[in-house]
All heavy atoms as atom14 arrays in JSON, in Angstrom:
{
  "sequence": "IPSTIRILQEAKEDFTALELEEFCCGYVAHLVGAEDDFKRCQEKNISS",
  "atom14_mask": [
    [1, 1, 1, 1, 1, 1, 1, 1, 0, 0, 0, 0, 0, 0],
    [1, 1, 1, 1, 1, 1, 1, 0, 0, 0, 0, 0, 0, 0],
    [1, 1, 1, 1, 1, 1, 0, 0, 0, 0, 0, 0, 0, 0],
    [1, 1, 1, 1, 1, 1, 1, 0, 0, 0, 0, 0, 0, 0],
    [1, 1, 1, 1, 1, 1, 1, 1, 0, 0, 0, 0, 0, 0],
    [1, 1, 1, 1, 1, 1, 1, 1, 1, 1, 1, 0, 0, 0],
    [1, 1, 1, 1, 1, 1, 1, 1, 0, 0, 0, 0, 0, 0],
    [1, 1, 1, 1, 1, 1, 1, 1, 0, 0, 0, 0, 0, 0],
    [1, 1, 1, 1, 1, 1, 1, 1, 1, 0, 0, 0, 0, 0],
    [1, 1, 1, 1, 1, 1, 1, 1, 1, 0, 0, 0, 0, 0],
    [1, 1, 1, 1, 1, 0, 0, 0, 0, 0, 0, 0, 0, 0],
    [1, 1, 1, 1, 1, 1, 1, 1, 1, 0, 0, 0, 0, 0],
    [1, 1, 1, 1, 1, 1, 1, 1, 1, 0, 0, 0, 0, 0],
    [1, 1, 1, 1, 1, 1, 1, 1, 0, 0, 0, 0, 0, 0],
    [1, 1, 1, 1, 1, 1, 1, 1, 1, 1, 1, 0, 0, 0],
    [1, 1, 1, 1, 1, 1, 1, 0, 0, 0, 0, 0, 0, 0],
    [1, 1, 1, 1, 1, 0, 0, 0, 0, 0, 0, 0, 0, 0],
    [1, 1, 1, 1, 1, 1, 1, 1, 0, 0, 0, 0, 0, 0],
    [1, 1, 1, 1, 1, 1, 1, 1, 1, 0, 0, 0, 0, 0],
    [1, 1, 1, 1, 1, 1, 1, 1, 0, 0, 0, 0, 0, 0],
    [1, 1, 1, 1, 1, 1, 1, 1, 1, 0, 0, 0, 0, 0],
    [1, 1, 1, 1, 1, 1, 1, 1, 1, 0, 0, 0, 0, 0],
    [1, 1, 1, 1, 1, 1, 1, 1, 1, 1, 1, 0, 0, 0],
    [1, 1, 1, 1, 1, 1, 0, 0, 0, 0, 0, 0, 0, 0],
    [1, 1, 1, 1, 1, 1, 0, 0, 0, 0, 0, 0, 0, 0],
    [1, 1, 1, 1, 0, 0, 0, 0, 0, 0, 0, 0, 0, 0],
    [1, 1, 1, 1, 1, 1, 1, 1, 1, 1, 1, 1, 0, 0],
    [1, 1, 1, 1, 1, 1, 1, 0, 0, 0, 0, 0, 0, 0],
    [1, 1, 1, 1, 1, 0, 0, 0, 0, 0, 0, 0, 0, 0],
    [1, 1, 1, 1, 1, 1, 1, 1, 1, 1, 0, 0, 0, 0],
    [1, 1, 1, 1, 1, 1, 1, 1, 0, 0, 0, 0, 0, 0],
    [1, 1, 1, 1, 1, 1, 1, 0, 0, 0, 0, 0, 0, 0],
    [1, 1, 1, 1, 0, 0, 0, 0, 0, 0, 0, 0, 0, 0],
    [1, 1, 1, 1, 1, 0, 0, 0, 0, 0, 0, 0, 0, 0],
    [1, 1, 1, 1, 1, 1, 1, 1, 1, 0, 0, 0, 0, 0],
    [1, 1, 1, 1, 1, 1, 1, 1, 0, 0, 0, 0, 0, 0],
    [1, 1, 1, 1, 1, 1, 1, 1, 0, 0, 0, 0, 0, 0],
    [1, 1, 1, 1, 1, 1, 1, 1, 1, 1, 1, 0, 0, 0],
    [1, 1, 1, 1, 1, 1, 1, 1, 1, 0, 0, 0, 0, 0],
    [1, 1, 1, 1, 1, 1, 1, 1, 1, 1, 1, 0, 0, 0],
    [1, 1, 1, 1, 1, 1, 0, 0, 0, 0, 0, 0, 0, 0],
    [1, 1, 1, 1, 1, 1, 1, 1, 1, 0, 0, 0, 0, 0],
    [1, 1, 1, 1, 1, 1, 1, 1, 1, 0, 0, 0, 0, 0],
    [1, 1, 1, 1, 1, 1, 1, 1, 1, 0, 0, 0, 0, 0],
    [1, 1, 1, 1, 1, 1, 1, 1, 0, 0, 0, 0, 0, 0],
    [1, 1, 1, 1, 1, 1, 1, 1, 0, 0, 0, 0, 0, 0],
    [1, 1, 1, 1, 1, 1, 0, 0, 0, 0, 0, 0, 0, 0],
    [1, 1, 1, 1, 1, 1, 0, 0, 0, 0, 0, 0, 0, 0]
  ],
  "atom14_positions": [
    [[23.91, -29.05, -41.91], [23.2, -27.73, -41.7], [22.44, -27.34, -42.91], [21.3, -27.07, -42.91], [24.17, -26.6, -41.19], [24.6, -26.94, -39.84], [23.39, -25.32, -41.25], [25.58, -25.94, -39.27], [0.0, 0.0, 0.0], [0.0, 0.0, 0.0], [0.0, 0.0, 0.0], [0.0, 0.0, 0.0], [0.0, 0.0, 0.0], [0.0, 0.0, 0.0]],
    [[22.99, -27.18, -44.15], [22.24, -26.78, -45.35], [21.2, -27.78, -45.72], [20.18, -27.42, -46.18], [23.34, -26.64, -46.41], [24.53, -27.29, -45.9], [24.49, -27.18, -44.48], [0.0, 0.0, 0.0], [0.0, 0.0, 0.0], [0.0, 0.0, 0.0], [0.0, 0.0, 0.0], [0.0, 0.0, 0.0], [0.0, 0.0, 0.0], [0.0, 0.0, 0.0]],
    [[21.59, -29.07, -45.46], [20.56, -30.13, -45.85], [19.31, -30.07, -44.97], [18.15, -30.18, -45.38], [21.2, -31.51, -45.68], [22.31, -31.73, -46.54], [0.0, 0.0, 0.0], [0.0, 0.0, 0.0], [0.0, 0.0, 0.0], [0.0, 0.0, 0.0], [0.0, 0.0, 0.0], [0.0, 0.0, 0.0], [0.0, 0.0, 0.0], [0.0, 0.0, 0.0]],
    [[19.47, -29.87, -43.67], [18.39, -29.76, -42.72], [17.56, -28.55, -43.04], [16.3, -28.6, -43.08], [19.02, -29.69, -41.24], [19.81, -30.86, -41.01], [17.75, -29.71, -40.25], [0.0, 0.0, 0.0], [0.0, 0.0, 0.0], [0.0, 0.0, 0.0], [0.0, 0.0, 0.0], [0.0, 0.0, 0.0], [0.0, 0.0, 0.0], [0.0, 0.0, 0.0]],
    [[18.23, -27.38, -43.25], [17.5, -26.23, -43.59], [16.71, -26.36, -44.92], [15.48, -25.92, -44.96], [18.54, -25.04, -43.7], [19.03, -24.72, -42.3], [17.84, -23.85, -44.4], [20.11, -23.59, -42.29], [0.0, 0.0, 0.0], [0.0, 0.0, 0.0], [0.0, 0.0, 0.0], [0.0, 0.0, 0.0], [0.0, 0.0, 0.0], [0.0, 0.0, 0.0]],
    [[17.26, -27.08, -45.88], [16.48, -27.29, -47.13], [15.23, -28.13, -46.88], [14.14, -27.83, -47.49], [17.39, -27.95, -48.12], [16.69, -28.15, -49.52], [17.52, -28.88, -50.44], [16.88, -28.86, -51.81], [17.15, -29.78, -52.74], [18.0, -30.66, -52.56], [16.51, -29.74, -53.89], [0.0, 0.0, 0.0], [0.0, 0.0, 0.0], [0.0, 0.0, 0.0]],
    [[15.29, -29.1, -46.06], [14.19, -29.93, -45.74], [13.08, -29.16, -45.09], [11.86, -29.25, -45.52], [14.57, -31.11, -44.8], [15.58, -32.04, -45.55], [13.37, -31.96, -44.37], [16.29, -33.05, -44.66], [0.0, 0.0, 0.0], [0.0, 0.0, 0.0], [0.0, 0.0, 0.0], [0.0, 0.0, 0.0], [0.0, 0.0, 0.0], [0.0, 0.0, 0.0]],
    [[13.43, -28.29, -44.17], [12.44, -27.45, -43.4], [11.75, -26.41, -44.31], [10.6, -26.05, -44.24], [13.04, -26.89, -42.17], [12.71, -27.71, -40.89], [13.65, -29.1, -41.02], [13.13, -27.0, -39.66], [0.0, 0.0, 0.0], [0.0, 0.0, 0.0], [0.0, 0.0, 0.0], [0.0, 0.0, 0.0], [0.0, 0.0, 0.0], [0.0, 0.0, 0.0]],
    [[12.64, -25.92, -45.26], [12.14, -24.94, -46.2], [11.18, -25.69, -47.19], [10.08, -25.12, -47.46], [13.26, -24.34, -47.07], [14.1, -23.34, -46.16], [15.35, -22.93, -46.94], [15.82, -23.59, -47.91], [15.83, -21.69, -46.6], [0.0, 0.0, 0.0], [0.0, 0.0, 0.0], [0.0, 0.0, 0.0], [0.0, 0.0, 0.0], [0.0, 0.0, 0.0]],
    [[11.44, -26.87, -47.6], [10.57, -27.66, -48.41], [9.22, -27.85, -47.7], [8.15, -27.88, -48.35], [11.22, -29.07, -48.77], [10.29, -30.05, -49.43], [9.88, -29.78, -50.86], [10.42, -28.77, -51.37], [9.07, -30.46, -51.35], [0.0, 0.0, 0.0], [0.0, 0.0, 0.0], [0.0, 0.0, 0.0], [0.0, 0.0, 0.0], [0.0, 0.0, 0.0]],
    [[9.25, -28.18, -46.44], [8.08, -28.41, -45.6], [7.28, -27.12, -45.2], [6.25, -27.17, -44.6], [8.45, -29.19, -44.37], [0.0, 0.0, 0.0], [0.0, 0.0, 0.0], [0.0, 0.0, 0.0], [0.0, 0.0, 0.0], [0.0, 0.0, 0.0], [0.0, 0.0, 0.0], [0.0, 0.0, 0.0], [0.0, 0.0, 0.0], [0.0, 0.0, 0.0]],
    [[7.89, -26.01, -45.66], [7.34, -24.64, -45.32], [7.12, -24.47, -43.8], [6.07, -24.0, -43.38], [6.07, -24.44, -46.09], [6.14, -24.34, -47.62], [4.91, -24.15, -48.33], [5.09, -23.89, -49.77], [5.89, -24.96, -50.47], [0.0, 0.0, 0.0], [0.0, 0.0, 0.0], [0.0, 0.0, 0.0], [0.0, 0.0, 0.0], [0.0, 0.0, 0.0]],
    [[8.12, -24.91, -43.1], [8.09, -24.9, -41.64], [8.54, -23.49, -41.1], [9.38, -22.81, -41.75], [8.98, -25.95, -41.0], [9.11, -25.97, -39.54], [7.67, -26.46, -38.85], [6.77, -25.59, -38.98], [7.65, -27.49, -38.3], [0.0, 0.0, 0.0], [0.0, 0.0, 0.0], [0.0, 0.0, 0.0], [0.0, 0.0, 0.0], [0.0, 0.0, 0.0]],
    [[7.98, -23.11, -39.97], [8.34, -21.83, -39.35], [9.54, -22.18, -38.47], [9.29, -22.76, -37.33], [7.17, -21.23, -38.61], [7.61, -19.97, -37.76], [8.55, -19.33, -38.23], [6.98, -19.71, -36.7], [0.0, 0.0, 0.0], [0.0, 0.0, 0.0], [0.0, 0.0, 0.0], [0.0, 0.0, 0.0], [0.0, 0.0, 0.0], [0.0, 0.0, 0.0]],
    [[10.75, -21.87, -38.82], [11.94, -22.33, -38.06], [12.95, -21.28, -38.0], [13.02, -20.31, -38.8], [12.49, -23.59, -38.64], [13.25, -23.42, -39.9], [14.62, -23.33, -39.92], [12.58, -23.34, -41.2], [15.3, -23.08, -41.16], [13.24, -23.22, -42.37], [14.68, -23.07, -42.3], [0.0, 0.0, 0.0], [0.0, 0.0, 0.0], [0.0, 0.0, 0.0]],
    [[13.93, -21.46, -37.12], [15.1, -20.62, -37.02], [16.17, -21.46, -36.33], [16.08, -22.57, -36.01], [14.8, -19.35, -36.3], [15.94, -18.48, -36.4], [14.6, -19.59, -34.75], [0.0, 0.0, 0.0], [0.0, 0.0, 0.0], [0.0, 0.0, 0.0], [0.0, 0.0, 0.0], [0.0, 0.0, 0.0], [0.0, 0.0, 0.0], [0.0, 0.0, 0.0]],
    [[17.36, -20.76, -36.14], [18.48, -21.35, -35.44], [19.17, -20.34, -34.65], [19.06, -19.11, -34.94], [19.47, -22.04, -36.42], [0.0, 0.0, 0.0], [0.0, 0.0, 0.0], [0.0, 0.0, 0.0], [0.0, 0.0, 0.0], [0.0, 0.0, 0.0], [0.0, 0.0, 0.0], [0.0, 0.0, 0.0], [0.0, 0.0, 0.0], [0.0, 0.0, 0.0]],
    [[20.02, -20.74, -33.74], [20.76, -19.7, -32.89], [22.0, -19.07, -33.51], [22.46, -18.18, -33.03], [21.06, -20.4, -31.54], [19.89, -20.85, -30.61], [20.53, -21.58, -29.41], [19.08, -19.57, -30.21], [0.0, 0.0, 0.0], [0.0, 0.0, 0.0], [0.0, 0.0, 0.0], [0.0, 0.0, 0.0], [0.0, 0.0, 0.0], [0.0, 0.0, 0.0]],
    [[22.45, -19.74, -34.48], [23.72, -19.33, -35.2], [24.8, -19.03, -34.16], [25.24, -19.94, -33.45], [23.39, -18.07, -35.96], [22.57, -18.33, -37.25], [22.5, -17.06, -38.11], [22.34, -15.96, -37.61], [22.34, -17.18, -39.36], [0.0, 0.0, 0.0], [0.0, 0.0, 0.0], [0.0, 0.0, 0.0], [0.0, 0.0, 0.0], [0.0, 0.0, 0.0]],
    [[25.29, -17.84, -34.18], [26.53, -17.55, -33.33], [26.15, -17.58, -31.82], [27.05, -17.7, -31.02], [27.03, -16.15, -33.71], [27.64, -15.97, -35.04], [28.21, -14.57, -35.26], [28.68, -17.04, -35.37], [0.0, 0.0, 0.0], [0.0, 0.0, 0.0], [0.0, 0.0, 0.0], [0.0, 0.0, 0.0], [0.0, 0.0, 0.0], [0.0, 0.0, 0.0]],
    [[24.85, -17.59, -31.5], [24.49, -17.61, -30.11], [24.33, -19.03, -29.55], [24.2, -19.23, -28.36], [23.14, -16.81, -29.86], [23.24, -15.34, -29.93], [21.91, -14.66, -29.47], [21.25, -15.15, -28.76], [21.75, -13.48, -30.01], [0.0, 0.0, 0.0], [0.0, 0.0, 0.0], [0.0, 0.0, 0.0], [0.0, 0.0, 0.0], [0.0, 0.0, 0.0]],
    [[24.5, -19.98, -30.5], [24.45, -21.38, -30.05], [25.75, -21.63, -29.23], [26.81, -21.21, -29.62], [24.39, -22.29, -31.28], [24.14, -23.72, -30.87], [24.05, -24.67, -32.14], [22.89, -24.5, -32.82], [24.94, -25.45, -32.42], [0.0, 0.0, 0.0], [0.0, 0.0, 0.0], [0.0, 0.0, 0.0], [0.0, 0.0, 0.0], [0.0, 0.0, 0.0]],
    [[25.53, -22.47, -28.12], [26.71, -22.68, -27.18], [26.73, -24.19, -27.1], [25.66, -24.87, -27.14], [26.44, -22.0, -25.9], [27.63, -21.92, -25.0], [28.53, -20.87, -25.14], [27.86, -22.83, -24.02], [29.67, -20.74, -24.35], [29.02, -22.73, -23.17], [29.92, -21.66, -23.41], [0.0, 0.0, 0.0], [0.0, 0.0, 0.0], [0.0, 0.0, 0.0]],
    [[27.85, -24.79, -26.84], [28.06, -26.17, -26.59], [26.97, -26.71, -25.62], [26.75, -26.04, -24.52], [29.41, -26.55, -26.02], [29.64, -28.28, -25.67], [0.0, 0.0, 0.0], [0.0, 0.0, 0.0], [0.0, 0.0, 0.0], [0.0, 0.0, 0.0], [0.0, 0.0, 0.0], [0.0, 0.0, 0.0], [0.0, 0.0, 0.0], [0.0, 0.0, 0.0]],
    [[26.31, -27.81, -25.96], [25.27, -28.32, -25.01], [25.88, -28.83, -23.77], [25.13, -28.96, -22.7], [24.49, -29.48, -25.7], [25.49, -31.02, -26.01], [0.0, 0.0, 0.0], [0.0, 0.0, 0.0], [0.0, 0.0, 0.0], [0.0, 0.0, 0.0], [0.0, 0.0, 0.0], [0.0, 0.0, 0.0], [0.0, 0.0, 0.0], [0.0, 0.0, 0.0]],
    [[27.13, -29.09, -23.75], [27.86, -29.52, -22.5], [28.06, -31.02, -22.33], [28.62, -31.54, -21.47], [0.0, 0.0, 0.0], [0.0, 0.0, 0.0], [0.0, 0.0, 0.0], [0.0, 0.0, 0.0], [0.0, 0.0, 0.0], [0.0, 0.0, 0.0], [0.0, 0.0, 0.0], [0.0, 0.0, 0.0], [0.0, 0.0, 0.0], [0.0, 0.0, 0.0]],
    [[27.63, -31.82, -23.43], [27.68, -33.27, -23.34], [29.11, -33.77, -23.12], [29.29, -34.66, -22.24], [27.11, -33.93, -24.63], [26.93, -35.39, -24.59], [26.33, -35.95, -23.39], [27.17, -36.1, -25.64], [26.15, -37.32, -23.41], [26.97, -37.53, -25.69], [26.43, -38.12, -24.52], [26.22, -39.45, -24.5], [0.0, 0.0, 0.0], [0.0, 0.0, 0.0]],
    [[30.08, -33.11, -23.75], [31.39, -33.66, -23.54], [31.9, -33.41, -22.16], [32.64, -34.21, -21.56], [32.42, -32.99, -24.63], [32.51, -31.47, -24.39], [33.81, -33.63, -24.58], [0.0, 0.0, 0.0], [0.0, 0.0, 0.0], [0.0, 0.0, 0.0], [0.0, 0.0, 0.0], [0.0, 0.0, 0.0], [0.0, 0.0, 0.0], [0.0, 0.0, 0.0]],
    [[31.52, -32.26, -21.49], [31.9, -31.94, -20.1], [31.27, -33.02, -19.21], [31.99, -33.55, -18.35], [31.35, -30.66, -19.78], [0.0, 0.0, 0.0], [0.0, 0.0, 0.0], [0.0, 0.0, 0.0], [0.0, 0.0, 0.0], [0.0, 0.0, 0.0], [0.0, 0.0, 0.0], [0.0, 0.0, 0.0], [0.0, 0.0, 0.0], [0.0, 0.0, 0.0]],
    [[30.04, -33.37, -19.53], [29.37, -34.49, -18.74], [30.12, -35.85, -18.89], [30.39, -36.52, -17.9], [27.95, -34.54, -19.14], [27.17, -35.74, -18.58], [26.79, -35.81, -17.28], [26.88, -36.94, -19.15], [26.09, -37.0, -17.12], [26.23, -37.69, -18.23], [0.0, 0.0, 0.0], [0.0, 0.0, 0.0], [0.0, 0.0, 0.0], [0.0, 0.0, 0.0]],
    [[30.47, -36.15, -20.11], [31.12, -37.42, -20.33], [32.42, -37.59, -19.69], [32.8, -38.68, -19.28], [31.27, -37.63, -21.81], [30.01, -37.77, -22.73], [30.41, -37.84, -24.12], [29.24, -38.99, -22.32], [0.0, 0.0, 0.0], [0.0, 0.0, 0.0], [0.0, 0.0, 0.0], [0.0, 0.0, 0.0], [0.0, 0.0, 0.0], [0.0, 0.0, 0.0]],
    [[33.22, -36.46, -19.5], [34.53, -36.56, -18.88], [34.51, -36.24, -17.4], [35.52, -36.27, -16.8], [35.53, -35.62, -19.58], [35.66, -36.04, -21.11], [35.2, -34.12, -19.35], [0.0, 0.0, 0.0], [0.0, 0.0, 0.0], [0.0, 0.0, 0.0], [0.0, 0.0, 0.0], [0.0, 0.0, 0.0], [0.0, 0.0, 0.0], [0.0, 0.0, 0.0]],
    [[33.27, -36.02, -16.81], [33.12, -35.95, -15.36], [33.11, -34.44, -14.82], [33.13, -34.21, -13.69], [0.0, 0.0, 0.0], [0.0, 0.0, 0.0], [0.0, 0.0, 0.0], [0.0, 0.0, 0.0], [0.0, 0.0, 0.0], [0.0, 0.0, 0.0], [0.0, 0.0, 0.0], [0.0, 0.0, 0.0], [0.0, 0.0, 0.0], [0.0, 0.0, 0.0]],
    [[33.17, -33.43, -15.79], [33.22, -32.02, -15.38], [31.8, -31.45, -15.22], [31.34, -30.7, -16.05], [34.03, -31.27, -16.47], [0.0, 0.0, 0.0], [0.0, 0.0, 0.0], [0.0, 0.0, 0.0], [0.0, 0.0, 0.0], [0.0, 0.0, 0.0], [0.0, 0.0, 0.0], [0.0, 0.0, 0.0], [0.0, 0.0, 0.0], [0.0, 0.0, 0.0]],
    [[31.15, -31.85, -14.14], [29.75, -31.58, -13.97], [29.45, -30.1, -13.73], [28.43, -29.64, -14.13], [29.21, -32.36, -12.82], [28.92, -33.98, -13.16], [28.05, -34.11, -14.4], [26.96, -33.56, -14.34], [28.4, -34.79, -15.29], [0.0, 0.0, 0.0], [0.0, 0.0, 0.0], [0.0, 0.0, 0.0], [0.0, 0.0, 0.0], [0.0, 0.0, 0.0]],
    [[30.33, -29.39, -13.05], [30.17, -27.95, -12.91], [30.2, -27.2, -14.22], [29.33, -26.32, -14.44], [31.21, -27.35, -11.91], [31.04, -27.86, -10.5], [30.0, -28.28, -10.15], [32.05, -27.78, -9.72], [0.0, 0.0, 0.0], [0.0, 0.0, 0.0], [0.0, 0.0, 0.0], [0.0, 0.0, 0.0], [0.0, 0.0, 0.0], [0.0, 0.0, 0.0]],
    [[31.04, -27.64, -15.15], [31.07, -26.99, -16.49], [29.91, -27.39, -17.23], [29.28, -26.53, -17.98], [32.38, -27.47, -17.21], [33.64, -26.98, -16.52], [34.02, -25.89, -16.67], [34.21, -27.85, -15.78], [0.0, 0.0, 0.0], [0.0, 0.0, 0.0], [0.0, 0.0, 0.0], [0.0, 0.0, 0.0], [0.0, 0.0, 0.0], [0.0, 0.0, 0.0]],
    [[29.42, -28.56, -17.09], [28.21, -29.05, -17.74], [27.0, -28.22, -17.33], [26.21, -27.73, -18.2], [27.87, -30.47, -17.44], [26.47, -30.95, -17.94], [26.31, -31.08, -19.23], [25.54, -31.19, -17.04], [24.96, -31.51, -19.64], [24.22, -31.66, -17.41], [23.93, -31.67, -18.76], [0.0, 0.0, 0.0], [0.0, 0.0, 0.0], [0.0, 0.0, 0.0]],
    [[26.88, -27.89, -16.06], [25.79, -27.06, -15.51], [25.83, -25.63, -16.09], [24.8, -25.04, -16.37], [25.82, -27.01, -14.05], [25.43, -28.35, -13.36], [25.62, -28.29, -11.94], [25.32, -29.75, -11.29], [25.59, -29.78, -9.8], [0.0, 0.0, 0.0], [0.0, 0.0, 0.0], [0.0, 0.0, 0.0], [0.0, 0.0, 0.0], [0.0, 0.0, 0.0]],
    [[27.03, -25.08, -16.34], [27.17, -23.82, -16.87], [26.74, -23.78, -18.39], [26.04, -22.8, -18.79], [28.57, -23.32, -16.74], [29.01, -22.87, -15.38], [30.34, -22.1, -15.48], [31.41, -22.92, -15.58], [32.04, -23.51, -14.58], [31.68, -23.29, -13.3], [33.12, -24.19, -14.77], [0.0, 0.0, 0.0], [0.0, 0.0, 0.0], [0.0, 0.0, 0.0]],
    [[27.03, -24.8, -19.05], [26.56, -24.96, -20.49], [24.98, -24.93, -20.46], [24.36, -24.41, -21.33], [27.09, -26.24, -21.08], [28.86, -26.17, -21.41], [0.0, 0.0, 0.0], [0.0, 0.0, 0.0], [0.0, 0.0, 0.0], [0.0, 0.0, 0.0], [0.0, 0.0, 0.0], [0.0, 0.0, 0.0], [0.0, 0.0, 0.0], [0.0, 0.0, 0.0]],
    [[24.5, -25.77, -19.55], [22.98, -25.84, -19.43], [22.32, -24.59, -19.25], [21.35, -24.24, -19.81], [22.65, -26.9, -18.31], [21.14, -27.05, -18.04], [20.88, -28.06, -17.01], [21.34, -29.24, -17.06], [20.11, -27.68, -16.0], [0.0, 0.0, 0.0], [0.0, 0.0, 0.0], [0.0, 0.0, 0.0], [0.0, 0.0, 0.0], [0.0, 0.0, 0.0]],
    [[22.84, -23.85, -18.26], [22.25, -22.58, -17.92], [22.26, -21.61, -19.13], [21.32, -20.87, -19.39], [22.99, -21.93, -16.73], [22.71, -22.71, -15.44], [23.66, -22.24, -14.3], [24.54, -21.44, -14.57], [23.53, -22.84, -13.23], [0.0, 0.0, 0.0], [0.0, 0.0, 0.0], [0.0, 0.0, 0.0], [0.0, 0.0, 0.0], [0.0, 0.0, 0.0]],
    [[23.44, -21.55, -19.83], [23.53, -20.54, -20.94], [22.66, -20.95, -22.01], [22.01, -20.08, -22.68], [25.04, -20.68, -21.39], [25.43, -19.53, -22.35], [26.9, -19.58, -22.61], [27.26, -18.28, -23.47], [27.04, -16.98, -22.74], [0.0, 0.0, 0.0], [0.0, 0.0, 0.0], [0.0, 0.0, 0.0], [0.0, 0.0, 0.0], [0.0, 0.0, 0.0]],
    [[22.47, -22.28, -22.33], [21.6, -22.7, -23.5], [20.1, -22.5, -23.21], [19.35, -22.08, -23.98], [21.83, -24.19, -23.79], [23.0, -24.38, -24.72], [23.12, -23.8, -25.74], [24.03, -25.16, -24.3], [0.0, 0.0, 0.0], [0.0, 0.0, 0.0], [0.0, 0.0, 0.0], [0.0, 0.0, 0.0], [0.0, 0.0, 0.0], [0.0, 0.0, 0.0]],
    [[19.76, -22.81, -21.86], [18.32, -22.58, -21.48], [17.96, -21.12, -21.7], [16.91, -20.79, -22.16], [18.14, -22.98, -19.98], [18.15, -24.5, -19.94], [16.79, -22.56, -19.55], [18.22, -25.07, -18.54], [0.0, 0.0, 0.0], [0.0, 0.0, 0.0], [0.0, 0.0, 0.0], [0.0, 0.0, 0.0], [0.0, 0.0, 0.0], [0.0, 0.0, 0.0]],
    [[18.93, -20.21, -21.36], [18.67, -18.77, -21.5], [18.41, -18.38, -22.97], [17.46, -17.7, -23.32], [19.8, -17.9, -20.94], [19.69, -16.62, -21.11], [0.0, 0.0, 0.0], [0.0, 0.0, 0.0], [0.0, 0.0, 0.0], [0.0, 0.0, 0.0], [0.0, 0.0, 0.0], [0.0, 0.0, 0.0], [0.0, 0.0, 0.0], [0.0, 0.0, 0.0]],
    [[19.29, -18.94, -23.83], [19.2, -18.62, -25.24], [18.04, -19.17, -25.97], [17.26, -18.56, -26.75], [20.49, -19.04, -26.07], [21.6, -18.41, -25.52], [0.0, 0.0, 0.0], [0.0, 0.0, 0.0], [0.0, 0.0, 0.0], [0.0, 0.0, 0.0], [0.0, 0.0, 0.0], [0.0, 0.0, 0.0], [0.0, 0.0, 0.0], [0.0, 0.0, 0.0]]
  ]
}
């Protein structure tokens, strides 16, 4: 995280991050077959 932020600061990029509002992308739910849980992660992230 600090390494990535430093690179973007060096590039003078206009950037931000979700911090505490970031939610699991749902990949692990998809990998283990819990598709309903994956869809809920998707909906929450799309909103944020």
